[in-house]
Amino acid sequence: MAPLQNESCNESTMEQLEAAMQQLVLLAELLLLLRPDEDTCVKIRNCVDTALSYFSEAEEKVASQLLLVDSQSEALITVKKLMQDDLKEKQKKLVDLKAQIFALQEAEKKSVEMLQTAELHLKNTKERLKLAHEEMEKNRAGRDIGMHLMILPGLGTFIGASVLIGYQIALESAENLVAEAQRAVEEYTAEVAGYHDKFIHFSQKEQELQDGINAMNQKIIQTQVQSDELLAFQGDVLIKQSWIRKCLALLDVLAGKVHVAAVISRHACFPELLVDILGDIAQVMDEKGGEAFLENQKIQDLVLEIKKAVKTLKSRVGKSMLQDY
């Protein structure tokens, strides 16, 4: 959501302000007439009333613009709050995930140590099995002698059988130990692989969360920039509104004096009653808030015409007062 630009407000009120200034220029031209008649006085009243109407329309547009700005400002505040809540949730998840990853790494570390121990035990049991096989081979000849001794009544049978059973038991025991050690190695290998797979999965989730946090932080910064721009724009519009209201207040006074003059005399729309107010309006154009409107060349030219007319009228009023004196 992009904040509104100053140009949009200027364009929406420029037509009314330009038309109002044209009426004030026409008013100044009517006041410059040496002998205003009743028709001229009616035109003067119409100029003031029409200018007042145009300024009122401009003020309404600015007020409408401010309502829109307020609406956008509230929307940005809501969006920013939602993003901040989402950011906090992501940050909490990241903290929890980091704790899980740490625990997983510790468990994997212990599992690796157990695997190393199991592999060493397997190596040792294989060595024992190898020795058992070697002993079997070394004692094969002895076993054959034992078998010959079995020919002897009683003693040969007993010795031969004992030797055979003893070597067989040792060999089977070594083979069982190797099988158990092999199973342990396989179990720990699978366990380490499982931890590693989980670590990769959690690491990917951690990166995704971190990327999401970074993106959300960037969005919050951008939203804050938009809010700041909107706030600055709102300040500019408020200044313009204040400026337009000043002009409206002066035009109200001007309208009042015109109507008072009409009551005093049907033909006497006295310039000396109006020139100061007209001059004040031209002066207000130079104040803060009117600067943006003066960037419009047409309005700038109209203001210059009003100022020239005011200067001429003041000079004429001054001479008239001296002559009367």
C-alpha atoms as a PDB file:
ATOM      1  CA  MET A   1       0.000   0.000   0.000  1.00  0.00           C
ATOM      2  CA  ALA A   2       1.704   3.137  -1.207  1.00  0.00           C
ATOM      3  CA  PRO A   3       1.048   6.473   0.506  1.00  0.00           C
ATOM      4  CA  LEU A   4      -0.725   9.171  -1.455  1.00  0.00           C
ATOM      5  CA  GLN A   5       1.430  11.823  -3.064  1.00  0.00           C
ATOM      6  CA  ASN A   6       1.109  15.583  -2.655  1.00  0.00           C
ATOM      7  CA  GLU A   7       0.360  15.937  -6.369  1.00  0.00           C
ATOM      8  CA  SER A   8      -2.893  14.001  -6.008  1.00  0.00           C
ATOM      9  CA  CYS A   9      -4.197  16.451  -3.413  1.00  0.00           C
ATOM     10  CA  ASN A  10      -3.017  19.460  -5.436  1.00  0.00           C
ATOM     11  CA  GLU A  11      -4.709  18.213  -8.597  1.00  0.00           C
ATOM     12  CA  SER A  12      -7.978  17.528  -6.781  1.00  0.00           C
ATOM     13  CA  THR A  13      -8.206  21.113  -5.473  1.00  0.00           C
ATOM     14  CA  MET A  14      -6.361  23.076  -8.157  1.00  0.00           C
ATOM     15  CA  GLU A  15      -9.415  23.555 -10.372  1.00  0.00           C
ATOM     16  CA  GLN A  16     -11.472  25.061  -7.563  1.00  0.00           C
ATOM     17  CA  LEU A  17      -8.646  27.297  -6.358  1.00  0.00           C
ATOM     18  CA  GLU A  18      -7.860  28.498  -9.867  1.00  0.00           C
ATOM     19  CA  ALA A  19     -11.534  29.309 -10.461  1.00  0.00           C
ATOM     20  CA  ALA A  20     -11.721  31.097  -7.092  1.00  0.00           C
ATOM     21  CA  MET A  21      -8.659  33.210  -7.879  1.00  0.00           C
ATOM     22  CA  GLN A  22     -10.148  34.122 -11.266  1.00  0.00           C
ATOM     23  CA  GLN A  23     -13.210  35.439  -9.435  1.00  0.00           C
ATOM     24  CA  LEU A  24     -10.981  37.503  -7.139  1.00  0.00           C
ATOM     25  CA  VAL A  25      -9.143  38.938 -10.155  1.00  0.00           C
ATOM     26  CA  LEU A  26     -12.520  39.847 -11.655  1.00  0.00           C
ATOM     27  CA  LEU A  27     -13.456  41.414  -8.309  1.00  0.00           C
ATOM     28  CA  ALA A  28     -10.281  43.495  -8.348  1.00  0.00           C
ATOM     29  CA  GLU A  29     -11.019  44.634 -11.908  1.00  0.00           C
ATOM     30  CA  LEU A  30     -14.527  45.674 -10.885  1.00  0.00           C
ATOM     31  CA  LEU A  31     -13.157  47.611  -7.920  1.00  0.00           C
ATOM     32  CA  LEU A  32     -10.812  49.448 -10.272  1.00  0.00           C
ATOM     33  CA  LEU A  33     -13.774  50.915 -12.125  1.00  0.00           C
ATOM     34  CA  LEU A  34     -13.961  54.623 -11.329  1.00  0.00           C
ATOM     35  CA  ARG A  35     -17.747  54.774 -11.124  1.00  0.00           C
ATOM     36  CA  PRO A  36     -19.315  51.467 -10.146  1.00  0.00           C
ATOM     37  CA  ASP A  37     -23.057  51.277 -10.788  1.00  0.00           C
ATOM     38  CA  GLU A  38     -25.701  49.011  -9.306  1.00  0.00           C
ATOM     39  CA  ASP A  39     -24.972  46.272 -11.836  1.00  0.00           C
ATOM     40  CA  THR A  40     -21.287  46.441 -10.922  1.00  0.00           C
ATOM     41  CA  CYS A  41     -22.110  46.052  -7.232  1.00  0.00           C
ATOM     42  CA  VAL A  42     -24.185  42.959  -8.013  1.00  0.00           C
ATOM     43  CA  LYS A  43     -21.269  41.520  -9.980  1.00  0.00           C
ATOM     44  CA  ILE A  44     -18.932  42.262  -7.066  1.00  0.00           C
ATOM     45  CA  ARG A  45     -21.215  40.371  -4.680  1.00  0.00           C
ATOM     46  CA  ASN A  46     -21.447  37.504  -7.142  1.00  0.00           C
ATOM     47  CA  CYS A  47     -17.643  37.369  -7.483  1.00  0.00           C
ATOM     48  CA  VAL A  48     -17.197  37.149  -3.723  1.00  0.00           C
ATOM     49  CA  ASP A  49     -19.946  34.541  -3.299  1.00  0.00           C
ATOM     50  CA  THR A  50     -18.621  32.450  -6.200  1.00  0.00           C
ATOM     51  CA  ALA A  51     -15.031  32.608  -4.916  1.00  0.00           C
ATOM     52  CA  LEU A  52     -16.317  31.582  -1.492  1.00  0.00           C
ATOM     53  CA  SER A  53     -18.114  28.626  -3.062  1.00  0.00           C
ATOM     54  CA  TYR A  54     -14.991  27.479  -4.934  1.00  0.00           C
ATOM     55  CA  PHE A  55     -12.841  27.722  -1.805  1.00  0.00           C
ATOM     56  CA  SER A  56     -15.485  25.739   0.106  1.00  0.00           C
ATOM     57  CA  GLU A  57     -15.343  22.998  -2.537  1.00  0.00           C
ATOM     58  CA  ALA A  58     -11.548  22.968  -2.292  1.00  0.00           C
ATOM     59  CA  GLU A  59     -11.755  22.647   1.498  1.00  0.00           C
ATOM     60  CA  GLU A  60     -14.207  19.755   1.158  1.00  0.00           C
ATOM     61  CA  LYS A  61     -11.824  17.956  -1.200  1.00  0.00           C
ATOM     62  CA  VAL A  62      -8.929  18.437   1.214  1.00  0.00           C
ATOM     63  CA  ALA A  63     -11.087  17.201   4.114  1.00  0.00           C
ATOM     64  CA  SER A  64     -12.038  14.158   2.030  1.00  0.00           C
ATOM     65  CA  GLN A  65      -8.371  13.613   1.248  1.00  0.00           C
ATOM     66  CA  LEU A  66      -7.560  13.675   4.970  1.00  0.00           C
ATOM     67  CA  LEU A  67     -10.220  11.041   5.657  1.00  0.00           C
ATOM     68  CA  LEU A  68      -8.628   8.825   3.021  1.00  0.00           C
ATOM     69  CA  VAL A  69      -5.189   9.422   4.521  1.00  0.00           C
ATOM     70  CA  ASP A  70      -6.518   8.510   7.985  1.00  0.00           C
ATOM     71  CA  SER A  71      -8.018   5.323   6.560  1.00  0.00           C
ATOM     72  CA  GLN A  72      -4.751   4.363   4.870  1.00  0.00           C
ATOM     73  CA  SER A  73      -2.794   5.206   8.004  1.00  0.00           C
ATOM     74  CA  GLU A  74      -5.010   2.945  10.118  1.00  0.00           C
ATOM     75  CA  ALA A  75      -4.681   0.169   7.522  1.00  0.00           C
ATOM     76  CA  LEU A  76      -0.887   0.448   7.595  1.00  0.00           C
ATOM     77  CA  ILE A  77      -0.887   0.341  11.393  1.00  0.00           C
ATOM     78  CA  THR A  78      -3.042  -2.810  11.296  1.00  0.00           C
ATOM     79  CA  VAL A  79      -0.840  -4.452   8.655  1.00  0.00           C
ATOM     80  CA  LYS A  80       2.309  -3.579  10.596  1.00  0.00           C
ATOM     81  CA  LYS A  81       0.843  -5.041  13.809  1.00  0.00           C
ATOM     82  CA  LEU A  82      -0.061  -8.278  12.015  1.00  0.00           C
ATOM     83  CA  MET A  83       3.432  -8.513  10.528  1.00  0.00           C
ATOM     84  CA  GLN A  84       5.030  -7.851  13.928  1.00  0.00           C
ATOM     85  CA  ASP A  85       2.898 -10.600  15.502  1.00  0.00           C
ATOM     86  CA  ASP A  86       3.872 -12.966  12.688  1.00  0.00           C
ATOM     87  CA  LEU A  87       7.520 -12.009  13.158  1.00  0.00           C
ATOM     88  CA  LYS A  88       7.363 -12.775  16.904  1.00  0.00           C
ATOM     89  CA  GLU A  89       5.793 -16.157  16.149  1.00  0.00           C
ATOM     90  CA  LYS A  90       8.511 -16.972  13.616  1.00  0.00           C
ATOM     91  CA  GLN A  91      11.238 -15.873  16.047  1.00  0.00           C
ATOM     92  CA  LYS A  92       9.756 -18.076  18.787  1.00  0.00           C
ATOM     93  CA  LYS A  93       9.643 -21.043  16.404  1.00  0.00           C
ATOM     94  CA  LEU A  94      13.249 -20.379  15.424  1.00  0.00           C
ATOM     95  CA  VAL A  95      14.373 -20.356  19.071  1.00  0.00           C
ATOM     96  CA  ASP A  96      12.532 -23.653  19.696  1.00  0.00           C
ATOM     97  CA  LEU A  97      13.965 -25.167  16.521  1.00  0.00           C
ATOM     98  CA  LYS A  98      17.512 -24.143  17.448  1.00  0.00           C
ATOM     99  CA  ALA A  99      17.028 -25.859  20.822  1.00  0.00           C
ATOM    100  CA  GLN A 100      15.831 -29.013  19.033  1.00  0.00           C
ATOM    101  CA  ILE A 101      18.800 -28.889  16.672  1.00  0.00           C
ATOM    102  CA  PHE A 102      21.194 -28.522  19.610  1.00  0.00           C
ATOM    103  CA  ALA A 103      19.606 -31.497  21.403  1.00  0.00           C
ATOM    104  CA  LEU A 104      19.721 -33.469  18.154  1.00  0.00           C
ATOM    105  CA  GLN A 105      23.410 -32.690  17.670  1.00  0.00           C
ATOM    106  CA  GLU A 106      24.157 -33.813  21.225  1.00  0.00           C
ATOM    107  CA  ALA A 107      22.215 -37.045  20.682  1.00  0.00           C
ATOM    108  CA  GLU A 108      23.979 -37.632  17.350  1.00  0.00           C
ATOM    109  CA  LYS A 109      27.336 -37.000  19.000  1.00  0.00           C
ATOM    110  CA  LYS A 110      26.624 -39.628  21.660  1.00  0.00           C
ATOM    111  CA  SER A 111      25.310 -42.016  19.023  1.00  0.00           C
ATOM    112  CA  VAL A 112      28.490 -41.565  16.964  1.00  0.00           C
ATOM    113  CA  GLU A 113      30.550 -42.316  20.072  1.00  0.00           C
ATOM    114  CA  MET A 114      28.483 -45.446  20.695  1.00  0.00           C
ATOM    115  CA  LEU A 115      28.936 -46.453  17.047  1.00  0.00           C
ATOM    116  CA  GLN A 116      32.688 -45.998  17.318  1.00  0.00           C
ATOM    117  CA  THR A 117      32.696 -48.130  20.470  1.00  0.00           C
ATOM    118  CA  ALA A 118      30.553 -50.759  18.735  1.00  0.00           C
ATOM    119  CA  GLU A 119      32.854 -50.753  15.698  1.00  0.00           C
ATOM    120  CA  LEU A 120      35.874 -51.203  17.966  1.00  0.00           C
ATOM    121  CA  HIS A 121      34.102 -54.037  19.786  1.00  0.00           C
ATOM    122  CA  LEU A 122      33.238 -55.636  16.423  1.00  0.00           C
ATOM    123  CA  LYS A 123      36.861 -55.368  15.387  1.00  0.00           C
ATOM    124  CA  ASN A 124      37.950 -57.059  18.621  1.00  0.00           C
ATOM    125  CA  THR A 125      35.383 -59.848  18.318  1.00  0.00           C
ATOM    126  CA  LYS A 126      36.446 -60.466  14.734  1.00  0.00           C
ATOM    127  CA  GLU A 127      40.040 -60.717  15.937  1.00  0.00           C
ATOM    128  CA  ARG A 128      38.940 -63.241  18.547  1.00  0.00           C
ATOM    129  CA  LEU A 129      37.026 -65.198  15.917  1.00  0.00           C
ATOM    130  CA  LYS A 130      40.089 -65.144  13.707  1.00  0.00           C
ATOM    131  CA  LEU A 131      42.211 -66.397  16.600  1.00  0.00           C
ATOM    132  CA  ALA A 132      39.648 -69.085  17.297  1.00  0.00           C
ATOM    133  CA  HIS A 133      39.842 -70.248  13.698  1.00  0.00           C
ATOM    134  CA  GLU A 134      43.638 -70.151  13.842  1.00  0.00           C
ATOM    135  CA  GLU A 135      43.600 -72.181  17.054  1.00  0.00           C
ATOM    136  CA  MET A 136      41.345 -74.689  15.336  1.00  0.00           C
ATOM    137  CA  GLU A 137      43.825 -74.972  12.477  1.00  0.00           C
ATOM    138  CA  LYS A 138      46.834 -75.177  14.795  1.00  0.00           C
ATOM    139  CA  ASN A 139      45.259 -77.860  16.881  1.00  0.00           C
ATOM    140  CA  ARG A 140      43.914 -79.841  13.950  1.00  0.00           C
ATOM    141  CA  ALA A 141      46.924 -82.153  14.200  1.00  0.00           C
ATOM    142  CA  GLY A 142      46.443 -82.470  17.926  1.00  0.00           C
ATOM    143  CA  ARG A 143      42.819 -83.213  17.345  1.00  0.00           C
ATOM    144  CA  ASP A 144      43.856 -85.985  14.938  1.00  0.00           C
ATOM    145  CA  ILE A 145      46.160 -87.411  17.619  1.00  0.00           C
ATOM    146  CA  GLY A 146      43.244 -87.268  19.991  1.00  0.00           C
ATOM    147  CA  MET A 147      41.182 -89.178  17.495  1.00  0.00           C
ATOM    148  CA  HIS A 148      43.929 -91.881  17.364  1.00  0.00           C
ATOM    149  CA  LEU A 149      43.956 -91.983  21.126  1.00  0.00           C
ATOM    150  CA  MET A 150      40.266 -92.701  21.001  1.00  0.00           C
ATOM    151  CA  ILE A 151      41.330 -96.167  19.762  1.00  0.00           C
ATOM    152  CA  LEU A 152      42.718 -96.819  23.227  1.00  0.00           C
ATOM    153  CA  PRO A 153      40.107 -98.266  25.491  1.00  0.00           C
ATOM    154  CA  GLY A 154      38.547 -95.653  27.825  1.00  0.00           C
ATOM    155  CA  LEU A 155      41.201 -92.858  27.860  1.00  0.00           C
ATOM    156  CA  GLY A 156      41.397 -92.211  24.132  1.00  0.00           C
ATOM    157  CA  THR A 157      37.675 -91.782  23.767  1.00  0.00           C
ATOM    158  CA  PHE A 158      37.423 -89.331  26.660  1.00  0.00           C
ATOM    159  CA  ILE A 159      40.358 -87.087  25.584  1.00  0.00           C
ATOM    160  CA  GLY A 160      39.351 -86.937  21.913  1.00  0.00           C
ATOM    161  CA  ALA A 161      35.767 -85.969  22.660  1.00  0.00           C
ATOM    162  CA  SER A 162      36.779 -83.309  25.200  1.00  0.00           C
ATOM    163  CA  VAL A 163      39.197 -81.624  22.809  1.00  0.00           C
ATOM    164  CA  LEU A 164      36.649 -81.563  19.996  1.00  0.00           C
ATOM    165  CA  ILE A 165      33.852 -80.138  22.142  1.00  0.00           C
ATOM    166  CA  GLY A 166      36.125 -77.488  23.699  1.00  0.00           C
ATOM    167  CA  TYR A 167      37.223 -76.025  20.368  1.00  0.00           C
ATOM    168  CA  GLN A 168      33.686 -76.136  18.976  1.00  0.00           C
ATOM    169  CA  ILE A 169      32.281 -74.213  21.948  1.00  0.00           C
ATOM    170  CA  ALA A 170      35.011 -71.553  21.705  1.00  0.00           C
ATOM    171  CA  LEU A 171      34.403 -71.103  17.991  1.00  0.00           C
ATOM    172  CA  GLU A 172      30.626 -70.805  18.371  1.00  0.00           C
ATOM    173  CA  SER A 173      31.056 -68.306  21.212  1.00  0.00           C
ATOM    174  CA  ALA A 174      33.358 -66.159  19.073  1.00  0.00           C
ATOM    175  CA  GLU A 175      30.915 -66.305  16.169  1.00  0.00           C
ATOM    176  CA  ASN A 176      28.007 -65.265  18.434  1.00  0.00           C
ATOM    177  CA  LEU A 177      30.009 -62.347  19.781  1.00  0.00           C
ATOM    178  CA  VAL A 178      30.807 -61.190  16.240  1.00  0.00           C
ATOM    179  CA  ALA A 179      27.129 -61.438  15.241  1.00  0.00           C
ATOM    180  CA  GLU A 180      26.040 -59.432  18.297  1.00  0.00           C
ATOM    181  CA  ALA A 181      28.712 -56.818  17.664  1.00  0.00           C
ATOM    182  CA  GLN A 182      27.698 -56.617  13.998  1.00  0.00           C
ATOM    183  CA  ARG A 183      24.046 -56.066  14.974  1.00  0.00           C
ATOM    184  CA  ALA A 184      25.085 -53.325  17.402  1.00  0.00           C
ATOM    185  CA  VAL A 185      27.124 -51.603  14.688  1.00  0.00           C
ATOM    186  CA  GLU A 186      24.198 -51.788  12.267  1.00  0.00           C
ATOM    187  CA  GLU A 187      21.778 -50.393  14.873  1.00  0.00           C
ATOM    188  CA  TYR A 188      24.042 -47.479  15.779  1.00  0.00           C
ATOM    189  CA  THR A 189      24.789 -46.830  12.097  1.00  0.00           C
ATOM    190  CA  ALA A 190      21.046 -46.584  11.399  1.00  0.00           C
ATOM    191  CA  GLU A 191      20.608 -44.387  14.482  1.00  0.00           C
ATOM    192  CA  VAL A 192      23.379 -42.005  13.395  1.00  0.00           C
ATOM    193  CA  ALA A 193      21.918 -41.869   9.864  1.00  0.00           C
ATOM    194  CA  GLY A 194      18.486 -41.084  11.334  1.00  0.00           C
ATOM    195  CA  TYR A 195      19.896 -38.263  13.440  1.00  0.00           C
ATOM    196  CA  HIS A 196      21.763 -36.932  10.411  1.00  0.00           C
ATOM    197  CA  ASP A 197      18.615 -36.949   8.259  1.00  0.00           C
ATOM    198  CA  LYS A 198      16.702 -35.124  11.001  1.00  0.00           C
ATOM    199  CA  PHE A 199      19.538 -32.622  11.319  1.00  0.00           C
ATOM    200  CA  ILE A 200      19.404 -31.877   7.577  1.00  0.00           C
ATOM    201  CA  HIS A 201      15.594 -31.524   7.730  1.00  0.00           C
ATOM    202  CA  PHE A 202      15.718 -29.241  10.779  1.00  0.00           C
ATOM    203  CA  SER A 203      18.541 -27.200   9.265  1.00  0.00           C
ATOM    204  CA  GLN A 204      16.436 -26.605   6.151  1.00  0.00           C
ATOM    205  CA  LYS A 205      13.499 -25.535   8.331  1.00  0.00           C
ATOM    206  CA  GLU A 206      15.834 -23.252  10.276  1.00  0.00           C
ATOM    207  CA  GLN A 207      17.004 -21.593   7.049  1.00  0.00           C
ATOM    208  CA  GLU A 208      13.422 -21.225   5.827  1.00  0.00           C
ATOM    209  CA  LEU A 209      12.416 -19.621   9.123  1.00  0.00           C
ATOM    210  CA  GLN A 210      15.415 -17.307   9.063  1.00  0.00           C
ATOM    211  CA  ASP A 211      14.629 -16.299   5.477  1.00  0.00           C
ATOM    212  CA  GLY A 212      11.020 -15.665   6.509  1.00  0.00           C
ATOM    213  CA  ILE A 213      12.177 -13.534   9.451  1.00  0.00           C
ATOM    214  CA  ASN A 214      14.516 -11.523   7.234  1.00  0.00           C
ATOM    215  CA  ALA A 215      11.754 -10.981   4.659  1.00  0.00           C
ATOM    216  CA  MET A 216       9.264  -9.985   7.366  1.00  0.00           C
ATOM    217  CA  ASN A 217      11.748  -7.537   8.879  1.00  0.00           C
ATOM    218  CA  GLN A 218      12.173  -5.973   5.453  1.00  0.00           C
ATOM    219  CA  LYS A 219       8.405  -5.711   4.989  1.00  0.00           C
ATOM    220  CA  ILE A 220       8.035  -4.073   8.403  1.00  0.00           C
ATOM    221  CA  ILE A 221      10.737  -1.542   7.512  1.00  0.00           C
ATOM    222  CA  GLN A 222       9.005  -0.793   4.198  1.00  0.00           C
ATOM    223  CA  THR A 223       5.654  -0.428   5.965  1.00  0.00           C
ATOM    224  CA  GLN A 224       7.215   1.952   8.488  1.00  0.00           C
ATOM    225  CA  VAL A 225       8.667   4.011   5.628  1.00  0.00           C
ATOM    226  CA  GLN A 226       5.205   4.155   4.048  1.00  0.00           C
ATOM    227  CA  SER A 227       3.710   5.186   7.403  1.00  0.00           C
ATOM    228  CA  ASP A 228       6.309   7.933   7.801  1.00  0.00           C
ATOM    229  CA  GLU A 229       5.677   9.184   4.257  1.00  0.00           C
ATOM    230  CA  LEU A 230       1.931   9.105   4.870  1.00  0.00           C
ATOM    231  CA  LEU A 231       2.362  10.998   8.140  1.00  0.00           C
ATOM    232  CA  ALA A 232       4.465  13.651   6.399  1.00  0.00           C
ATOM    233  CA  PHE A 233       1.878  13.895   3.620  1.00  0.00           C
ATOM    234  CA  GLN A 234      -0.879  14.202   6.206  1.00  0.00           C
ATOM    235  CA  GLY A 235       1.026  17.115   7.763  1.00  0.00           C
ATOM    236  CA  ASP A 236       1.265  18.826   4.366  1.00  0.00           C
ATOM    237  CA  VAL A 237      -2.453  18.356   3.736  1.00  0.00           C
ATOM    238  CA  LEU A 238      -3.277  19.765   7.176  1.00  0.00           C
ATOM    239  CA  ILE A 239      -1.190  22.854   6.396  1.00  0.00           C
ATOM    240  CA  LYS A 240      -3.040  23.271   3.089  1.00  0.00           C
ATOM    241  CA  GLN A 241      -6.357  22.810   4.858  1.00  0.00           C
ATOM    242  CA  SER A 242      -5.403  25.495   7.393  1.00  0.00           C
ATOM    243  CA  TRP A 243      -4.385  27.811   4.540  1.00  0.00           C
ATOM    244  CA  ILE A 244      -7.652  27.265   2.653  1.00  0.00           C
ATOM    245  CA  ARG A 245      -9.632  27.869   5.837  1.00  0.00           C
ATOM    246  CA  LYS A 246      -7.794  31.169   6.343  1.00  0.00           C
ATOM    247  CA  CYS A 247      -8.821  32.203   2.844  1.00  0.00           C
ATOM    248  CA  LEU A 248     -12.377  31.104   3.576  1.00  0.00           C
ATOM    249  CA  ALA A 249     -12.455  33.184   6.760  1.00  0.00           C
ATOM    250  CA  LEU A 250     -11.187  36.248   4.893  1.00  0.00           C
ATOM    251  CA  LEU A 251     -13.722  35.684   2.118  1.00  0.00           C
ATOM    252  CA  ASP A 252     -16.470  35.461   4.736  1.00  0.00           C
ATOM    253  CA  VAL A 253     -15.370  38.858   6.044  1.00  0.00           C
ATOM    254  CA  LEU A 254     -15.179  40.174   2.488  1.00  0.00           C
ATOM    255  CA  ALA A 255     -18.682  38.884   1.731  1.00  0.00           C
ATOM    256  CA  GLY A 256     -19.960  40.501   4.902  1.00  0.00           C
ATOM    257  CA  LYS A 257     -18.466  43.872   3.999  1.00  0.00           C
ATOM    258  CA  VAL A 258     -19.851  43.692   0.459  1.00  0.00           C
ATOM    259  CA  HIS A 259     -23.333  43.032   1.763  1.00  0.00           C
ATOM    260  CA  VAL A 260     -22.985  45.777   4.393  1.00  0.00           C
ATOM    261  CA  ALA A 261     -21.924  48.191   1.663  1.00  0.00           C
ATOM    262  CA  ALA A 262     -24.939  47.142  -0.381  1.00  0.00           C
ATOM    263  CA  VAL A 263     -27.212  47.921   2.551  1.00  0.00           C
ATOM    264  CA  ILE A 264     -25.604  51.339   3.085  1.00  0.00           C
ATOM    265  CA  SER A 265     -25.995  52.286  -0.545  1.00  0.00           C
ATOM    266  CA  ARG A 266     -27.324  50.391  -3.531  1.00  0.00           C
ATOM    267  CA  HIS A 267     -24.496  51.744  -5.675  1.00  0.00           C
ATOM    268  CA  ALA A 268     -21.695  52.124  -3.133  1.00  0.00           C
ATOM    269  CA  CYS A 269     -19.512  48.994  -3.045  1.00  0.00           C
ATOM    270  CA  PHE A 270     -16.731  51.106  -1.584  1.00  0.00           C
ATOM    271  CA  PRO A 271     -13.290  49.891  -2.656  1.00  0.00           C
ATOM    272  CA  GLU A 272     -11.770  51.125   0.614  1.00  0.00           C
ATOM    273  CA  LEU A 273     -13.983  48.638   2.484  1.00  0.00           C
ATOM    274  CA  LEU A 274     -12.780  45.711   0.387  1.00  0.00           C
ATOM    275  CA  VAL A 275      -9.216  46.421  -0.650  1.00  0.00           C
ATOM    276  CA  ASP A 276      -7.598  45.473   2.663  1.00  0.00           C
ATOM    277  CA  ILE A 277      -9.354  42.102   2.779  1.00  0.00           C
ATOM    278  CA  LEU A 278      -8.410  41.439  -0.841  1.00  0.00           C
ATOM    279  CA  GLY A 279      -4.827  42.348   0.026  1.00  0.00           C
ATOM    280  CA  ASP A 280      -4.906  39.977   3.007  1.00  0.00           C
ATOM    281  CA  ILE A 281      -6.035  37.156   0.736  1.00  0.00           C
ATOM    282  CA  ALA A 282      -3.163  37.858  -1.661  1.00  0.00           C
ATOM    283  CA  GLN A 283      -0.807  37.952   1.325  1.00  0.00           C
ATOM    284  CA  VAL A 284      -2.051  34.585   2.592  1.00  0.00           C
ATOM    285  CA  MET A 285      -1.010  33.089  -0.753  1.00  0.00           C
ATOM    286  CA  ASP A 286       2.622  33.625   0.262  1.00  0.00           C
ATOM    287  CA  GLU A 287       2.197  31.804   3.572  1.00  0.00           C
ATOM    288  CA  LYS A 288       3.160  28.209   4.259  1.00  0.00           C
ATOM    289  CA  GLY A 289       0.562  25.969   2.661  1.00  0.00           C
ATOM    290  CA  GLY A 290      -0.033  28.231  -0.304  1.00  0.00           C
ATOM    291  CA  GLU A 291       3.431  27.545  -1.695  1.00  0.00           C
ATOM    292  CA  ALA A 292       2.365  24.271  -3.311  1.00  0.00           C
ATOM    293  CA  PHE A 293      -0.535  25.966  -5.067  1.00  0.00           C
ATOM    294  CA  LEU A 294       1.692  28.794  -6.254  1.00  0.00           C
ATOM    295  CA  GLU A 295       3.698  26.206  -8.164  1.00  0.00           C
ATOM    296  CA  ASN A 296       0.778  26.301 -10.580  1.00  0.00           C
ATOM    297  CA  GLN A 297       1.683  28.999 -13.096  1.00  0.00           C
ATOM    298  CA  LYS A 298      -1.934  30.037 -13.713  1.00  0.00           C
ATOM    299  CA  ILE A 299      -2.610  30.585 -10.015  1.00  0.00           C
ATOM    300  CA  GLN A 300       0.708  32.392  -9.647  1.00  0.00           C
ATOM    301  CA  ASP A 301      -0.226  34.764 -12.484  1.00  0.00           C
ATOM    302  CA  LEU A 302      -3.669  35.359 -10.975  1.00  0.00           C
ATOM    303  CA  VAL A 303      -2.152  36.195  -7.582  1.00  0.00           C
ATOM    304  CA  LEU A 304       0.198  38.700  -9.230  1.00  0.00           C
ATOM    305  CA  GLU A 305      -2.788  40.354 -10.928  1.00  0.00           C
ATOM    306  CA  ILE A 306      -4.587  40.605  -7.584  1.00  0.00           C
ATOM    307  CA  LYS A 307      -1.515  42.096  -5.907  1.00  0.00           C
ATOM    308  CA  LYS A 308      -1.132  44.703  -8.662  1.00  0.00           C
ATOM    309  CA  ALA A 309      -4.805  45.622  -8.427  1.00  0.00           C
ATOM    310  CA  VAL A 310      -4.565  45.888  -4.630  1.00  0.00           C
ATOM    311  CA  LYS A 311      -1.551  48.161  -4.930  1.00  0.00           C
ATOM    312  CA  THR A 312      -3.405  50.405  -7.401  1.00  0.00           C
ATOM    313  CA  LEU A 313      -6.535  50.439  -5.240  1.00  0.00           C
ATOM    314  CA  LYS A 314      -4.599  51.309  -2.093  1.00  0.00           C
ATOM    315  CA  SER A 315      -2.858  54.115  -3.927  1.00  0.00           C
ATOM    316  CA  ARG A 316      -6.179  55.404  -5.233  1.00  0.00           C
ATOM    317  CA  VAL A 317      -7.836  55.145  -1.815  1.00  0.00           C
ATOM    318  CA  GLY A 318      -4.927  57.023  -0.241  1.00  0.00           C
ATOM    319  CA  LYS A 319      -5.174  59.873  -2.753  1.00  0.00           C
ATOM    320  CA  SER A 320      -8.938  60.038  -2.277  1.00  0.00           C
ATOM    321  CA  MET A 321      -8.523  60.371   1.469  1.00  0.00           C
ATOM    322  CA  LEU A 322      -5.955  63.168   1.011  1.00  0.00           C
ATOM    323  CA  GLN A 323      -8.295  65.027  -1.320  1.00  0.00           C
ATOM    324  CA  ASP A 324     -11.146  64.670   1.152  1.00  0.00           C
ATOM    325  CA  TYR A 325      -8.888  65.970   3.882  1.00  0.00           C
END
